[in-house]
Amino acid sequence: LEADAEAEDSKRRDALAEHAGIPRDLAALMRSGYRAQDRACIALRGALRSRNLVALCGPKLAGKSAAAAGQAWALVLDAATRGATKSGAVWWQADAIARVPWGDYEERAEAESVRREAIAAAMLVLDGLGEEGPGRGWLADLGRILDARAEAHRRTIVTTRLAPAELALLYGPVGARLEAAAVEVKP
């Protein structure tokens, strides 16, 4: 009976993580009992104590995505405990979100749906900023999303391999906001 309950809890957590968009490899890492004490996790937890927007900047394998996944996973566990159907976390891969037709009138409904979900989420993770390739048409929408989330005091975590100074250079006013929220981490 206890094994059945644990299996059901595990299924619920997996469904919540999938609904949030947490990548499967990171969800599996969190499910395995991973308790990160690395620099990225400690830096993120410290930054989130005093602000709701954090941009984790650092090289590949610095633990940025795992740190963000740990924060999102905490919402998944809480939702699973409460029996909720949504965790409150939304995970975006920058390359995928950049492909949403933000300015295309014909497909604006998709962009509006994505925008509403991002604004309403208790926590938004934008993973891999700088890896999305050419085209910056989505940045105006990202700026509006960040504004709405800041006004509502909702947490937003951005991960990037870019240095803080590169954010403003490459992403204009949105990048300048992220540069001001940057926390550099090293492996």
Protein backbone atom coordinates (compact mmCIF):
# COMPACT_ATOMS: atom_id res chain seq x y z
CA LEU A 1 0.00 0.00 0.00
CA GLU A 2 2.82 2.40 0.88
CA ALA A 3 4.65 1.46 -2.34
CA ASP A 4 1.50 2.23 -4.34
CA ALA A 5 1.18 5.63 -2.69
CA GLU A 6 4.83 6.41 -3.42
CA ALA A 7 4.40 5.36 -7.06
CA GLU A 8 1.32 7.58 -7.35
CA ASP A 9 3.23 10.52 -5.80
CA SER A 10 6.07 9.94 -8.24
CA LYS A 11 3.67 9.96 -11.20
CA ARG A 12 2.09 13.17 -9.94
CA ARG A 13 5.51 14.86 -9.58
CA ASP A 14 6.53 13.71 -13.08
CA ALA A 15 3.30 15.06 -14.59
CA LEU A 16 3.73 18.39 -12.80
CA ALA A 17 7.35 18.69 -13.94
CA GLU A 18 6.37 17.87 -17.52
CA HIS A 19 3.52 20.39 -17.43
CA ALA A 20 5.96 23.04 -16.17
CA GLY A 21 8.32 22.22 -19.05
CA ILE A 22 11.27 21.23 -16.88
CA PRO A 23 13.64 19.27 -19.15
CA ARG A 24 13.49 15.54 -18.47
CA ASP A 25 17.18 15.21 -17.65
CA LEU A 26 16.93 17.93 -15.00
CA ALA A 27 13.68 16.52 -13.62
CA ALA A 28 15.36 13.10 -13.37
CA LEU A 29 18.27 14.71 -11.53
CA MET A 30 15.89 16.36 -9.05
CA ARG A 31 13.86 13.15 -8.69
CA SER A 32 17.03 11.25 -7.77
CA GLY A 33 17.30 13.31 -4.59
CA TYR A 34 19.92 15.71 -5.88
CA ARG A 35 20.51 18.42 -3.31
CA ALA A 36 22.78 20.93 -4.92
CA GLN A 37 25.21 22.74 -2.71
CA ASP A 38 27.33 24.00 -5.58
CA ARG A 39 28.16 27.65 -6.18
CA ALA A 40 25.31 28.24 -8.63
CA CYS A 41 22.65 26.94 -6.24
CA ILE A 42 24.00 28.88 -3.30
CA ALA A 43 24.30 32.06 -5.38
CA LEU A 44 20.76 31.68 -6.72
CA ARG A 45 19.21 31.04 -3.31
CA GLY A 46 21.02 34.07 -1.91
CA ALA A 47 19.94 36.34 -4.76
CA LEU A 48 16.31 35.22 -4.57
CA ARG A 49 16.20 36.32 -0.92
CA SER A 50 16.42 39.96 -1.98
CA ARG A 51 15.00 40.13 -5.50
CA ASN A 52 12.63 38.41 -7.90
CA LEU A 53 14.70 38.68 -11.10
CA VAL A 54 18.01 36.82 -11.25
CA ALA A 55 20.21 36.23 -14.31
CA LEU A 56 22.68 33.40 -13.66
CA CYS A 57 25.70 34.02 -15.90
CA GLY A 58 28.54 31.56 -16.34
CA PRO A 59 30.20 29.00 -18.54
CA LYS A 60 28.80 25.65 -19.57
CA LEU A 61 28.69 23.14 -16.70
CA ALA A 62 28.61 25.85 -14.02
CA GLY A 63 25.36 24.39 -12.66
CA LYS A 64 23.08 27.25 -13.73
CA SER A 65 20.28 25.10 -15.16
CA ALA A 66 20.45 22.62 -12.27
CA ALA A 67 20.18 25.51 -9.80
CA ALA A 68 17.11 26.85 -11.63
CA ALA A 69 15.65 23.33 -11.80
CA GLY A 70 16.07 23.01 -8.04
CA GLN A 71 13.94 26.11 -7.51
CA ALA A 72 11.29 24.91 -9.98
CA TRP A 73 11.36 21.41 -8.47
CA ALA A 74 10.52 22.88 -5.05
CA LEU A 75 7.28 24.21 -6.57
CA VAL A 76 6.61 20.79 -8.14
CA LEU A 77 7.03 19.05 -4.78
CA ASP A 78 4.78 21.57 -3.06
CA ALA A 79 2.09 21.17 -5.74
CA ALA A 80 2.31 17.38 -5.55
CA THR A 81 1.88 17.52 -1.77
CA ARG A 82 -1.19 19.71 -2.15
CA GLY A 83 -2.63 17.52 -4.93
CA ALA A 84 -2.58 20.44 -7.37
CA THR A 85 -2.66 19.94 -11.13
CA LYS A 86 -0.14 22.73 -11.88
CA SER A 87 3.11 23.54 -10.11
CA GLY A 88 3.21 27.26 -10.78
CA ALA A 89 6.56 26.92 -12.53
CA VAL A 90 7.06 27.54 -16.25
CA TRP A 91 10.32 26.55 -17.94
CA TRP A 92 11.26 28.12 -21.26
CA GLN A 93 14.20 27.15 -23.42
CA ALA A 94 15.34 30.40 -25.04
CA ASP A 95 15.74 28.81 -28.47
CA ALA A 96 12.17 27.47 -28.41
CA ILE A 97 10.56 30.64 -27.11
CA ALA A 98 12.35 32.73 -29.73
CA ARG A 99 10.54 30.68 -32.42
CA VAL A 100 7.08 31.69 -31.16
CA PRO A 101 5.54 33.99 -33.81
CA TRP A 102 5.35 37.02 -31.49
CA GLY A 103 4.71 39.68 -34.11
CA ASP A 104 2.86 37.64 -36.74
CA TYR A 105 -0.76 38.79 -36.82
CA GLU A 106 -1.98 35.43 -38.13
CA GLU A 107 -0.54 33.48 -35.21
CA ARG A 108 -0.84 36.06 -32.45
CA ALA A 109 -3.13 33.76 -30.41
CA GLU A 110 -0.20 31.39 -29.75
CA ALA A 111 1.99 34.27 -28.60
CA GLU A 112 -0.78 35.63 -26.38
CA SER A 113 -1.26 32.23 -24.76
CA VAL A 114 2.48 31.92 -24.09
CA ARG A 115 2.57 35.48 -22.72
CA ARG A 116 -0.36 34.91 -20.34
CA GLU A 117 1.16 31.67 -19.04
CA ALA A 118 4.53 33.37 -18.47
CA ILE A 119 3.03 36.32 -16.63
CA ALA A 120 0.80 34.17 -14.40
CA ALA A 121 3.46 31.62 -13.39
CA ALA A 122 4.71 31.77 -9.81
CA MET A 123 8.18 31.17 -11.25
CA LEU A 124 9.44 31.60 -14.81
CA VAL A 125 12.74 30.07 -15.88
CA LEU A 126 14.26 31.24 -19.17
CA ASP A 127 17.07 28.77 -19.78
CA GLY A 128 19.90 29.26 -22.25
CA LEU A 129 19.55 32.92 -23.20
CA GLY A 130 22.08 33.61 -25.93
CA GLU A 131 21.65 30.21 -27.57
CA GLU A 132 18.51 31.10 -29.51
CA GLY A 133 20.23 32.22 -32.71
CA PRO A 134 19.39 35.21 -34.88
CA GLY A 135 16.20 37.19 -34.58
CA ARG A 136 15.29 39.36 -31.66
CA GLY A 137 11.61 40.02 -32.47
CA TRP A 138 10.54 38.45 -29.21
CA LEU A 139 12.50 40.83 -26.98
CA ALA A 140 9.78 43.49 -26.79
CA ASP A 141 7.38 40.84 -25.54
CA LEU A 142 9.99 39.55 -23.10
CA GLY A 143 10.36 43.09 -21.77
CA ARG A 144 6.59 43.36 -21.22
CA ILE A 145 6.56 39.95 -19.54
CA LEU A 146 9.39 40.99 -17.20
CA ASP A 147 7.56 44.25 -16.40
CA ALA A 148 4.33 42.42 -15.52
CA ARG A 149 6.17 39.82 -13.45
CA ALA A 150 8.10 42.52 -11.55
CA GLU A 151 4.89 44.40 -10.83
CA ALA A 152 3.31 41.19 -9.48
CA HIS A 153 6.47 40.30 -7.45
CA ARG A 154 6.88 36.94 -9.24
CA ARG A 155 10.22 35.18 -9.51
CA THR A 156 12.06 35.02 -12.83
CA ILE A 157 15.31 33.14 -13.33
CA VAL A 158 17.36 33.50 -16.51
CA THR A 159 20.37 31.32 -17.26
CA THR A 160 22.99 32.25 -19.83
CA ARG A 161 26.56 31.55 -20.86
CA LEU A 162 26.94 35.24 -21.64
CA ALA A 163 28.88 37.58 -19.38
CA PRO A 164 26.75 40.25 -17.68
CA ALA A 165 28.19 43.04 -19.86
CA GLU A 166 27.23 41.11 -23.01
CA LEU A 167 23.57 41.04 -22.01
CA ALA A 168 22.99 44.77 -22.51
CA LEU A 169 25.15 44.81 -25.61
CA LEU A 170 23.20 42.00 -27.31
CA TYR A 171 19.70 42.49 -25.90
CA GLY A 172 19.35 46.26 -25.45
CA PRO A 173 17.08 47.51 -22.64
CA VAL A 174 15.94 43.99 -21.70
CA GLY A 175 19.58 42.93 -21.51
CA ALA A 176 20.42 45.95 -19.35
CA ARG A 177 17.77 44.83 -16.84
CA LEU A 178 19.23 41.33 -16.87
CA GLU A 179 22.74 42.72 -16.48
CA ALA A 180 21.58 44.58 -13.35
CA ALA A 181 20.16 41.29 -12.02
CA ALA A 182 23.22 39.22 -12.95
CA VAL A 183 24.94 36.79 -10.64
CA GLU A 184 28.12 35.29 -12.05
CA VAL A 185 28.85 31.65 -11.27
CA LYS A 186 31.86 29.48 -11.97
CA PRO A 187 32.10 25.69 -12.10
